[in-house]
PDB file of N, CA and C in Angstrom:
ATOM      1  N   UNK A   1     -40.747  33.698  28.337  1.00  0.00           N
ATOM      2  CA  UNK A   1     -41.911  32.908  28.635  1.00  0.00           C
ATOM      3  C   UNK A   1     -41.265  31.991  29.837  1.00  0.00           C
ATOM      4  N   UNK A   2     -40.388  31.220  29.482  1.00  0.00           N
ATOM      5  CA  UNK A   2     -40.284  30.527  30.457  1.00  0.00           C
ATOM      6  C   UNK A   2     -39.692  31.314  32.010  1.00  0.00           C
ATOM      7  N   UNK A   3     -39.000  32.274  31.843  1.00  0.00           N
ATOM      8  CA  UNK A   3     -38.958  32.989  33.228  1.00  0.00           C
ATOM      9  C   UNK A   3     -40.114  33.204  33.859  1.00  0.00           C
ATOM     10  N   UNK A   4     -41.112  33.515  33.333  1.00  0.00           N
ATOM     11  CA  UNK A   4     -42.626  33.804  33.655  1.00  0.00           C
ATOM     12  C   UNK A   4     -43.218  32.447  34.237  1.00  0.00           C
ATOM     13  N   UNK A   5     -42.796  31.495  33.598  1.00  0.00           N
ATOM     14  CA  UNK A   5     -43.301  30.304  33.767  1.00  0.00           C
ATOM     15  C   UNK A   5     -43.046  29.725  35.165  1.00  0.00           C
ATOM     16  N   UNK A   6     -41.549  29.967  35.519  1.00  0.00           N
ATOM     17  CA  UNK A   6     -41.129  29.339  36.872  1.00  0.00           C
ATOM     18  C   UNK A   6     -41.185  30.181  37.937  1.00  0.00           C
ATOM     19  N   UNK A   7     -41.596  31.549  37.705  1.00  0.00           N
ATOM     20  CA  UNK A   7     -41.640  32.532  38.873  1.00  0.00           C
ATOM     21  C   UNK A   7     -42.773  32.294  39.555  1.00  0.00           C
ATOM     22  N   UNK A   8     -42.187  32.212  41.016  1.00  0.00           N
ATOM     23  CA  UNK A   8     -43.593  32.060  41.953  1.00  0.00           C
ATOM     24  C   UNK A   8     -43.961  33.325  42.586  1.00  0.00           C
ATOM     25  N   UNK A   9     -44.823  33.305  43.190  1.00  0.00           N
ATOM     26  CA  UNK A   9     -45.721  34.704  43.579  1.00  0.00           C
ATOM     27  C   UNK A   9     -44.792  35.359  44.499  1.00  0.00           C
ATOM     28  N   UNK A  10     -44.150  34.750  45.249  1.00  0.00           N
ATOM     29  CA  UNK A  10     -43.180  35.375  46.375  1.00  0.00           C
ATOM     30  C   UNK A  10     -41.930  36.133  45.849  1.00  0.00           C
ATOM     31  N   UNK A  11     -41.553  35.598  44.615  1.00  0.00           N
ATOM     32  CA  UNK A  11     -40.372  36.298  43.860  1.00  0.00           C
ATOM     33  C   UNK A  11     -40.840  37.249  43.042  1.00  0.00           C
ATOM     34  N   UNK A  12     -42.031  37.157  42.591  1.00  0.00           N
ATOM     35  CA  UNK A  12     -42.798  38.453  41.884  1.00  0.00           C
ATOM     36  C   UNK A  12     -42.641  39.612  42.651  1.00  0.00           C
ATOM     37  N   UNK A  13     -43.164  39.631  43.938  1.00  0.00           N
ATOM     38  CA  UNK A  13     -43.515  40.555  44.800  1.00  0.00           C
ATOM     39  C   UNK A  13     -41.922  41.230  45.038  1.00  0.00           C
ATOM     40  N   UNK A  14     -40.724  40.468  44.827  1.00  0.00           N
ATOM     41  CA  UNK A  14     -39.531  40.918  45.321  1.00  0.00           C
ATOM     42  C   UNK A  14     -38.883  41.317  44.119  1.00  0.00           C
ATOM     43  N   UNK A  15     -39.470  41.047  42.910  1.00  0.00           N
ATOM     44  CA  UNK A  15     -38.975  41.514  41.420  1.00  0.00           C
ATOM     45  C   UNK A  15     -37.665  40.712  41.003  1.00  0.00           C
ATOM     46  N   UNK A  16     -37.408  39.338  41.559  1.00  0.00           N
ATOM     47  CA  UNK A  16     -36.534  38.669  41.141  1.00  0.00           C
ATOM     48  C   UNK A  16     -36.806  37.878  39.719  1.00  0.00           C
ATOM     49  N   UNK A  17     -36.075  37.940  38.902  1.00  0.00           N
ATOM     50  CA  UNK A  17     -36.301  37.165  37.492  1.00  0.00           C
ATOM     51  C   UNK A  17     -35.179  36.278  37.499  1.00  0.00           C
ATOM     52  N   UNK A  18     -35.717  34.822  37.040  1.00  0.00           N
ATOM     53  CA  UNK A  18     -34.709  33.717  37.019  1.00  0.00           C
ATOM     54  C   UNK A  18     -34.461  33.569  35.659  1.00  0.00           C
ATOM     55  N   UNK A  19     -33.049  33.652  35.347  1.00  0.00           N
ATOM     56  CA  UNK A  19     -32.587  33.309  34.016  1.00  0.00           C
ATOM     57  C   UNK A  19     -32.918  31.816  33.426  1.00  0.00           C
ATOM     58  N   UNK A  20     -32.714  30.662  34.583  1.00  0.00           N
ATOM     59  CA  UNK A  20     -32.853  29.434  34.430  1.00  0.00           C
ATOM     60  C   UNK A  20     -34.075  28.766  35.220  1.00  0.00           C
ATOM     61  N   UNK A  21     -34.958  27.607  34.806  1.00  0.00           N
ATOM     62  CA  UNK A  21     -35.738  27.310  35.811  1.00  0.00           C
ATOM     63  C   UNK A  21     -35.119  26.750  36.851  1.00  0.00           C
ATOM     64  N   UNK A  22     -35.918  26.532  37.837  1.00  0.00           N
ATOM     65  CA  UNK A  22     -35.021  25.883  39.154  1.00  0.00           C
ATOM     66  C   UNK A  22     -35.155  24.331  39.000  1.00  0.00           C
ATOM     67  N   UNK A  23     -34.008  23.796  39.457  1.00  0.00           N
ATOM     68  CA  UNK A  23     -33.737  22.431  39.290  1.00  0.00           C
ATOM     69  C   UNK A  23     -34.798  21.482  39.533  1.00  0.00           C
ATOM     70  N   UNK A  24     -35.453  21.742  40.804  1.00  0.00           N
ATOM     71  CA  UNK A  24     -36.823  21.161  41.281  1.00  0.00           C
ATOM     72  C   UNK A  24     -38.108  21.994  41.391  1.00  0.00           C
ATOM     73  N   UNK A  25     -39.125  21.415  40.850  1.00  0.00           N
ATOM     74  CA  UNK A  25     -40.268  22.055  40.861  1.00  0.00           C
ATOM     75  C   UNK A  25     -41.236  21.625  42.240  1.00  0.00           C
ATOM     76  N   UNK A  26     -41.629  22.881  42.850  1.00  0.00           N
ATOM     77  CA  UNK A  26     -42.482  22.526  44.046  1.00  0.00           C
ATOM     78  C   UNK A  26     -43.763  21.726  43.873  1.00  0.00           C
ATOM     79  N   UNK A  27     -44.269  21.130  45.030  1.00  0.00           N
ATOM     80  CA  UNK A  27     -45.760  20.638  45.004  1.00  0.00           C
ATOM     81  C   UNK A  27     -46.723  21.646  44.359  1.00  0.00           C
ATOM     82  N   UNK A  28     -46.275  22.920  44.936  1.00  0.00           N
ATOM     83  CA  UNK A  28     -47.481  23.901  44.501  1.00  0.00           C
ATOM     84  C   UNK A  28     -47.414  24.165  42.911  1.00  0.00           C
ATOM     85  N   UNK A  29     -46.144  24.308  42.507  1.00  0.00           N
ATOM     86  CA  UNK A  29     -46.008  24.364  41.141  1.00  0.00           C
ATOM     87  C   UNK A  29     -46.425  23.347  40.217  1.00  0.00           C
ATOM     88  N   UNK A  30     -45.994  22.097  40.731  1.00  0.00           N
ATOM     89  CA  UNK A  30     -46.810  21.032  39.953  1.00  0.00           C
ATOM     90  C   UNK A  30     -48.330  21.001  40.125  1.00  0.00           C
ATOM     91  N   UNK A  31     -48.901  21.346  41.035  1.00  0.00           N
ATOM     92  CA  UNK A  31     -50.510  21.469  41.123  1.00  0.00           C
ATOM     93  C   UNK A  31     -50.820  22.472  40.185  1.00  0.00           C
ATOM     94  N   UNK A  32     -50.260  23.613  40.133  1.00  0.00           N
ATOM     95  CA  UNK A  32     -50.536  24.623  39.335  1.00  0.00           C
ATOM     96  C   UNK A  32     -50.439  24.221  37.645  1.00  0.00           C
ATOM     97  N   UNK A  33     -49.368  23.736  37.623  1.00  0.00           N
ATOM     98  CA  UNK A  33     -49.157  23.239  36.138  1.00  0.00           C
ATOM     99  C   UNK A  33     -50.138  22.174  35.748  1.00  0.00           C
ATOM    100  N   UNK A  34     -50.457  21.201  36.440  1.00  0.00           N
ATOM    101  CA  UNK A  34     -51.571  20.310  36.279  1.00  0.00           C
ATOM    102  C   UNK A  34     -52.792  21.062  35.863  1.00  0.00           C
ATOM    103  N   UNK A  35     -53.081  22.006  36.533  1.00  0.00           N
ATOM    104  CA  UNK A  35     -54.313  22.806  36.416  1.00  0.00           C
ATOM    105  C   UNK A  35     -54.386  23.414  35.213  1.00  0.00           C
ATOM    106  N   UNK A  36     -53.176  24.143  34.836  1.00  0.00           N
ATOM    107  CA  UNK A  36     -53.010  24.534  33.524  1.00  0.00           C
ATOM    108  C   UNK A  36     -53.066  23.629  32.290  1.00  0.00           C
ATOM    109  N   UNK A  37     -52.660  22.406  32.298  1.00  0.00           N
ATOM    110  CA  UNK A  37     -52.834  21.516  31.349  1.00  0.00           C
ATOM    111  C   UNK A  37     -54.124  21.055  31.436  1.00  0.00           C
ATOM    112  N   UNK A  38     -55.140  21.062  32.473  1.00  0.00           N
ATOM    113  CA  UNK A  38     -56.330  20.562  32.325  1.00  0.00           C
ATOM    114  C   UNK A  38     -57.267  21.807  31.802  1.00  0.00           C
ATOM    115  N   UNK A  39     -56.822  23.026  32.225  1.00  0.00           N
ATOM    116  CA  UNK A  39     -57.755  23.984  31.765  1.00  0.00           C
ATOM    117  C   UNK A  39     -57.479  23.982  30.070  1.00  0.00           C
ATOM    118  N   UNK A  40     -56.281  23.788  29.661  1.00  0.00           N
ATOM    119  CA  UNK A  40     -55.898  24.024  28.112  1.00  0.00           C
ATOM    120  C   UNK A  40     -56.604  22.904  27.539  1.00  0.00           C
ATOM    121  N   UNK A  41     -56.486  21.777  28.196  1.00  0.00           N
ATOM    122  CA  UNK A  41     -57.127  20.566  27.540  1.00  0.00           C
ATOM    123  C   UNK A  41     -58.834  20.635  27.434  1.00  0.00           C
ATOM    124  N   UNK A  42     -59.438  21.237  28.368  1.00  0.00           N
ATOM    125  CA  UNK A  42     -60.761  21.195  28.479  1.00  0.00           C
ATOM    126  C   UNK A  42     -61.251  22.458  27.550  1.00  0.00           C
ATOM    127  N   UNK A  43     -60.651  23.596  27.439  1.00  0.00           N
ATOM    128  CA  UNK A  43     -60.827  24.576  26.501  1.00  0.00           C
ATOM    129  C   UNK A  43     -60.724  24.107  25.001  1.00  0.00           C
ATOM    130  N   UNK A  44     -59.691  23.200  24.845  1.00  0.00           N
ATOM    131  CA  UNK A  44     -59.583  22.537  23.445  1.00  0.00           C
ATOM    132  C   UNK A  44     -60.630  21.880  23.049  1.00  0.00           C
ATOM    133  N   UNK A  45     -61.210  20.867  24.029  1.00  0.00           N
ATOM    134  CA  UNK A  45     -62.208  20.005  23.881  1.00  0.00           C
ATOM    135  C   UNK A  45     -63.742  20.889  23.668  1.00  0.00           C
ATOM    136  N   UNK A  46     -63.926  21.884  24.507  1.00  0.00           N
ATOM    137  CA  UNK A  46     -65.017  22.510  24.055  1.00  0.00           C
ATOM    138  C   UNK A  46     -65.147  23.304  22.852  1.00  0.00           C
ATOM    139  N   UNK A  47     -63.831  24.019  22.426  1.00  0.00           N
ATOM    140  CA  UNK A  47     -63.768  24.535  21.459  1.00  0.00           C
ATOM    141  C   UNK A  47     -64.202  23.737  20.051  1.00  0.00           C
ATOM    142  N   UNK A  48     -63.421  22.192  20.244  1.00  0.00           N
ATOM    143  CA  UNK A  48     -63.857  21.421  19.076  1.00  0.00           C
ATOM    144  C   UNK A  48     -65.350  20.971  19.201  1.00  0.00           C
ATOM    145  N   UNK A  49     -65.700  20.754  20.324  1.00  0.00           N
ATOM    146  CA  UNK A  49     -67.388  20.323  20.404  1.00  0.00           C
ATOM    147  C   UNK A  49     -68.213  21.555  19.889  1.00  0.00           C
ATOM    148  N   UNK A  50     -67.755  22.753  20.187  1.00  0.00           N
ATOM    149  CA  UNK A  50     -68.881  23.805  19.645  1.00  0.00           C
ATOM    150  C   UNK A  50     -68.662  24.103  18.328  1.00  0.00           C
ATOM    151  N   UNK A  51     -67.356  23.734  17.723  1.00  0.00           N
ATOM    152  CA  UNK A  51     -67.410  23.946  16.386  1.00  0.00           C
ATOM    153  C   UNK A  51     -67.938  23.152  15.390  1.00  0.00           C
ATOM    154  N   UNK A  52     -68.295  21.617  15.829  1.00  0.00           N
ATOM    155  CA  UNK A  52     -68.865  20.888  15.138  1.00  0.00           C
ATOM    156  C   UNK A  52     -70.335  20.952  15.392  1.00  0.00           C
ATOM    157  N   UNK A  53     -70.977  21.633  16.281  1.00  0.00           N
ATOM    158  CA  UNK A  53     -72.305  22.143  16.709  1.00  0.00           C
ATOM    159  C   UNK A  53     -72.958  23.108  15.630  1.00  0.00           C
ATOM    160  N   UNK A  54     -71.834  24.074  15.476  1.00  0.00           N
ATOM    161  CA  UNK A  54     -72.079  25.447  14.734  1.00  0.00           C
ATOM    162  C   UNK A  54     -72.405  25.214  13.299  1.00  0.00           C
ATOM    163  N   UNK A  55     -73.208  25.956  12.423  1.00  0.00           N
ATOM    164  CA  UNK A  55     -73.431  25.955  11.094  1.00  0.00           C
ATOM    165  C   UNK A  55     -72.935  27.180  10.351  1.00  0.00           C
ATOM    166  N   UNK A  56     -72.511  28.236  11.152  1.00  0.00           N
ATOM    167  CA  UNK A  56     -71.732  29.498  10.350  1.00  0.00           C
ATOM    168  C   UNK A  56     -70.314  29.037  10.348  1.00  0.00           C
ATOM    169  N   UNK A  57     -69.810  29.224   8.939  1.00  0.00           N
ATOM    170  CA  UNK A  57     -68.538  28.916   8.952  1.00  0.00           C
ATOM    171  C   UNK A  57     -67.444  29.708   9.292  1.00  0.00           C
ATOM    172  N   UNK A  58     -67.723  31.095   9.533  1.00  0.00           N
ATOM    173  CA  UNK A  58     -66.862  32.032  10.361  1.00  0.00           C
ATOM    174  C   UNK A  58     -66.861  31.733  11.618  1.00  0.00           C
ATOM    175  N   UNK A  59     -67.793  31.159  12.405  1.00  0.00           N
ATOM    176  CA  UNK A  59     -67.544  31.124  13.837  1.00  0.00           C
ATOM    177  C   UNK A  59     -67.137  29.713  13.958  1.00  0.00           C
ATOM    178  N   UNK A  60     -67.317  28.795  13.049  1.00  0.00           N
ATOM    179  CA  UNK A  60     -66.501  27.343  13.111  1.00  0.00           C
ATOM    180  C   UNK A  60     -65.066  27.613  12.917  1.00  0.00           C
ATOM    181  N   UNK A  61     -64.803  28.579  11.926  1.00  0.00           N
ATOM    182  CA  UNK A  61     -63.307  28.783  11.716  1.00  0.00           C
ATOM    183  C   UNK A  61     -62.665  29.402  13.113  1.00  0.00           C
ATOM    184  N   UNK A  62     -63.358  30.231  13.626  1.00  0.00           N
ATOM    185  CA  UNK A  62     -62.853  30.979  14.899  1.00  0.00           C
ATOM    186  C   UNK A  62     -62.785  29.964  16.051  1.00  0.00           C
ATOM    187  N   UNK A  63     -63.591  29.207  16.278  1.00  0.00           N
ATOM    188  CA  UNK A  63     -63.816  27.868  17.114  1.00  0.00           C
ATOM    189  C   UNK A  63     -62.498  27.084  17.030  1.00  0.00           C
ATOM    190  N   UNK A  64     -62.351  26.934  15.776  1.00  0.00           N
ATOM    191  CA  UNK A  64     -61.248  25.786  15.499  1.00  0.00           C
ATOM    192  C   UNK A  64     -59.758  26.735  15.611  1.00  0.00           C
ATOM    193  N   UNK A  65     -59.835  27.797  15.407  1.00  0.00           N
ATOM    194  CA  UNK A  65     -58.570  28.549  15.854  1.00  0.00           C
ATOM    195  C   UNK A  65     -58.364  28.700  17.342  1.00  0.00           C
ATOM    196  N   UNK A  66     -59.469  28.838  17.952  1.00  0.00           N
ATOM    197  CA  UNK A  66     -59.401  28.862  19.314  1.00  0.00           C
ATOM    198  C   UNK A  66     -58.687  27.450  20.039  1.00  0.00           C
ATOM    199  N   UNK A  67     -59.230  26.488  19.382  1.00  0.00           N
ATOM    200  CA  UNK A  67     -58.993  25.106  19.835  1.00  0.00           C
ATOM    201  C   UNK A  67     -57.486  24.847  19.642  1.00  0.00           C
ATOM    202  N   UNK A  68     -57.257  25.188  18.352  1.00  0.00           N
ATOM    203  CA  UNK A  68     -55.853  24.900  18.203  1.00  0.00           C
ATOM    204  C   UNK A  68     -54.743  25.831  19.151  1.00  0.00           C
ATOM    205  N   UNK A  69     -55.211  27.084  19.147  1.00  0.00           N
ATOM    206  CA  UNK A  69     -54.306  27.922  20.127  1.00  0.00           C
ATOM    207  C   UNK A  69     -54.324  27.200  21.520  1.00  0.00           C
ATOM    208  N   UNK A  70     -55.315  26.665  22.094  1.00  0.00           N
ATOM    209  CA  UNK A  70     -55.043  25.821  23.438  1.00  0.00           C
ATOM    210  C   UNK A  70     -54.716  24.712  23.347  1.00  0.00           C
ATOM    211  N   UNK A  71     -54.653  23.739  22.238  1.00  0.00           N
ATOM    212  CA  UNK A  71     -53.723  22.800  21.897  1.00  0.00           C
ATOM    213  C   UNK A  71     -52.020  22.998  21.937  1.00  0.00           C
ATOM    214  N   UNK A  72     -51.861  24.251  21.167  1.00  0.00           N
ATOM    215  CA  UNK A  72     -50.391  24.789  21.185  1.00  0.00           C
ATOM    216  C   UNK A  72     -49.753  25.024  22.594  1.00  0.00           C
ATOM    217  N   UNK A  73     -50.854  25.788  23.568  1.00  0.00           N
ATOM    218  CA  UNK A  73     -50.537  26.117  24.897  1.00  0.00           C
ATOM    219  C   UNK A  73     -50.353  24.785  25.681  1.00  0.00           C
ATOM    220  N   UNK A  74     -51.141  23.670  25.421  1.00  0.00           N
ATOM    221  CA  UNK A  74     -51.070  22.511  26.276  1.00  0.00           C
ATOM    222  C   UNK A  74     -49.638  21.893  25.807  1.00  0.00           C
ATOM    223  N   UNK A  75     -49.510  21.938  24.506  1.00  0.00           N
ATOM    224  CA  UNK A  75     -47.983  21.169  24.160  1.00  0.00           C
ATOM    225  C   UNK A  75     -46.759  21.928  24.758  1.00  0.00           C
ATOM    226  N   UNK A  76     -46.880  23.222  24.584  1.00  0.00           N
ATOM    227  CA  UNK A  76     -45.937  24.039  24.931  1.00  0.00           C
ATOM    228  C   UNK A  76     -45.503  23.741  26.662  1.00  0.00           C
ATOM    229  N   UNK A  77     -46.538  23.350  27.217  1.00  0.00           N
ATOM    230  CA  UNK A  77     -46.568  23.234  29.000  1.00  0.00           C
ATOM    231  C   UNK A  77     -45.965  22.195  28.795  1.00  0.00           C
ATOM    232  N   UNK A  78     -46.513  21.112  28.118  1.00  0.00           N
ATOM    233  CA  UNK A  78     -45.756  19.551  28.129  1.00  0.00           C
ATOM    234  C   UNK A  78     -44.553  19.684  27.696  1.00  0.00           C
ATOM    235  N   UNK A  79     -44.056  20.260  26.782  1.00  0.00           N
ATOM    236  CA  UNK A  79     -42.633  20.470  26.246  1.00  0.00           C
ATOM    237  C   UNK A  79     -41.818  20.918  27.191  1.00  0.00           C
ATOM    238  N   UNK A  80     -41.869  21.825  28.000  1.00  0.00           N
ATOM    239  CA  UNK A  80     -41.252  22.658  29.253  1.00  0.00           C
ATOM    240  C   UNK A  80     -41.175  21.353  30.229  1.00  0.00           C
ATOM    241  N   UNK A  81     -42.332  20.732  30.452  1.00  0.00           N
ATOM    242  CA  UNK A  81     -41.992  19.856  31.429  1.00  0.00           C
ATOM    243  C   UNK A  81     -41.203  18.487  31.236  1.00  0.00           C
ATOM    244  N   UNK A  82     -41.305  18.221  29.967  1.00  0.00           N
ATOM    245  CA  UNK A  82     -40.594  17.048  29.413  1.00  0.00           C
ATOM    246  C   UNK A  82     -38.851  17.376  29.329  1.00  0.00           C
ATOM    247  N   UNK A  83     -38.867  18.679  28.937  1.00  0.00           N
ATOM    248  CA  UNK A  83     -37.297  18.903  29.037  1.00  0.00           C
ATOM    249  C   UNK A  83     -36.842  18.988  30.279  1.00  0.00           C
ATOM    250  N   UNK A  84     -37.449  19.369  31.505  1.00  0.00           N
ATOM    251  CA  UNK A  84     -36.936  19.359  32.601  1.00  0.00           C
ATOM    252  C   UNK A  84     -37.019  17.842  33.337  1.00  0.00           C
ATOM    253  N   UNK A  85     -37.960  17.085  32.856  1.00  0.00           N
ATOM    254  CA  UNK A  85     -37.904  15.697  33.252  1.00  0.00           C
ATOM    255  C   UNK A  85     -36.781  15.105  32.904  1.00  0.00           C
ATOM    256  N   UNK A  86     -36.350  15.195  31.135  1.00  0.00           N
ATOM    257  CA  UNK A  86     -35.278  14.587  30.690  1.00  0.00           C
ATOM    258  C   UNK A  86     -33.836  14.972  31.454  1.00  0.00           C
ATOM    259  N   UNK A  87     -33.860  16.458  31.907  1.00  0.00           N
ATOM    260  CA  UNK A  87     -32.600  16.844  32.471  1.00  0.00           C
ATOM    261  C   UNK A  87     -32.432  16.181  33.803  1.00  0.00           C
ATOM    262  N   UNK A  88     -33.638  15.804  34.449  1.00  0.00           N
ATOM    263  CA  UNK A  88     -33.464  15.291  36.007  1.00  0.00           C
ATOM    264  C   UNK A  88     -33.083  13.978  35.619  1.00  0.00           C
ATOM    265  N   UNK A  89     -33.578  13.137  34.704  1.00  0.00           N
ATOM    266  CA  UNK A  89     -33.049  11.849  34.453  1.00  0.00           C
ATOM    267  C   UNK A  89     -31.792  11.685  34.193  1.00  0.00           C
ATOM    268  N   UNK A  90     -31.124  12.590  33.444  1.00  0.00           N
ATOM    269  CA  UNK A  90     -29.777  12.514  32.861  1.00  0.00           C
ATOM    270  C   UNK A  90     -29.005  12.804  34.169  1.00  0.00           C
ATOM    271  N   UNK A  91     -29.141  13.632  35.226  1.00  0.00           N
ATOM    272  CA  UNK A  91     -28.696  13.894  36.364  1.00  0.00           C
ATOM    273  C   UNK A  91     -28.459  12.752  37.320  1.00  0.00           C
ATOM    274  N   UNK A  92     -29.649  12.246  37.221  1.00  0.00           N
ATOM    275  CA  UNK A  92     -29.738  11.022  38.065  1.00  0.00           C
ATOM    276  C   UNK A  92     -28.923   9.976  37.561  1.00  0.00           C
ATOM    277  N   UNK A  93     -29.172   9.498  36.315  1.00  0.00           N
ATOM    278  CA  UNK A  93     -28.031   8.635  35.782  1.00  0.00           C
ATOM    279  C   UNK A  93     -26.627   8.921  35.930  1.00  0.00           C
ATOM    280  N   UNK A  94     -26.219  10.102  35.698  1.00  0.00           N
ATOM    281  CA  UNK A  94     -24.895  10.666  35.753  1.00  0.00           C
ATOM    282  C   UNK A  94     -24.489  10.553  37.237  1.00  0.00           C
ATOM    283  N   UNK A  95     -25.126  10.679  38.337  1.00  0.00           N
ATOM    284  CA  UNK A  95     -24.883  10.681  39.511  1.00  0.00           C
ATOM    285  C   UNK A  95     -24.973   9.109  39.929  1.00  0.00           C
ATOM    286  N   UNK A  96     -25.596   8.395  39.361  1.00  0.00           N
ATOM    287  CA  UNK A  96     -25.477   6.978  39.808  1.00  0.00           C
ATOM    288  C   UNK A  96     -24.463   6.296  39.450  1.00  0.00           C
ATOM    289  N   UNK A  97     -23.547   6.732  38.137  1.00  0.00           N
ATOM    290  CA  UNK A  97     -22.465   6.224  37.523  1.00  0.00           C
ATOM    291  C   UNK A  97     -21.479   6.531  38.597  1.00  0.00           C
ATOM    292  N   UNK A  98     -21.399   7.495  39.206  1.00  0.00           N
ATOM    293  CA  UNK A  98     -20.221   7.875  40.271  1.00  0.00           C
ATOM    294  C   UNK A  98     -19.815   7.045  41.195  1.00  0.00           C
TER     295      UNK A  98
END
C-alpha cells in the first residue's frame, strides 16, 4: 500500500517501485492527498446521513459498513502523513542541534 501510495504516474510508466516513501512530498502529491482525504470524508458523511434516513435494517447495516470503510481509509491516509511529518520534524530538530 505504501509503495503504491507514493509512486507518481511518471514512475509508474517506467515501472520503478519505491521501497520507502520519498523524504519530500511534492505539491502535486500534497494536493492529491488532500483530495483523497476530502473524498473519503465526504463518502463517510454521506453514508452516515443515508443510514439515518433509511428504514431497512439490512441497508442501514451496509451503509454503516461503507461509512466505516471510508473512515478507515481516511485514518490510514492521515497516519501515513503523520508518520512522515514526525520524521521530518525529527530530522529538522537533529539538523538544528548540529
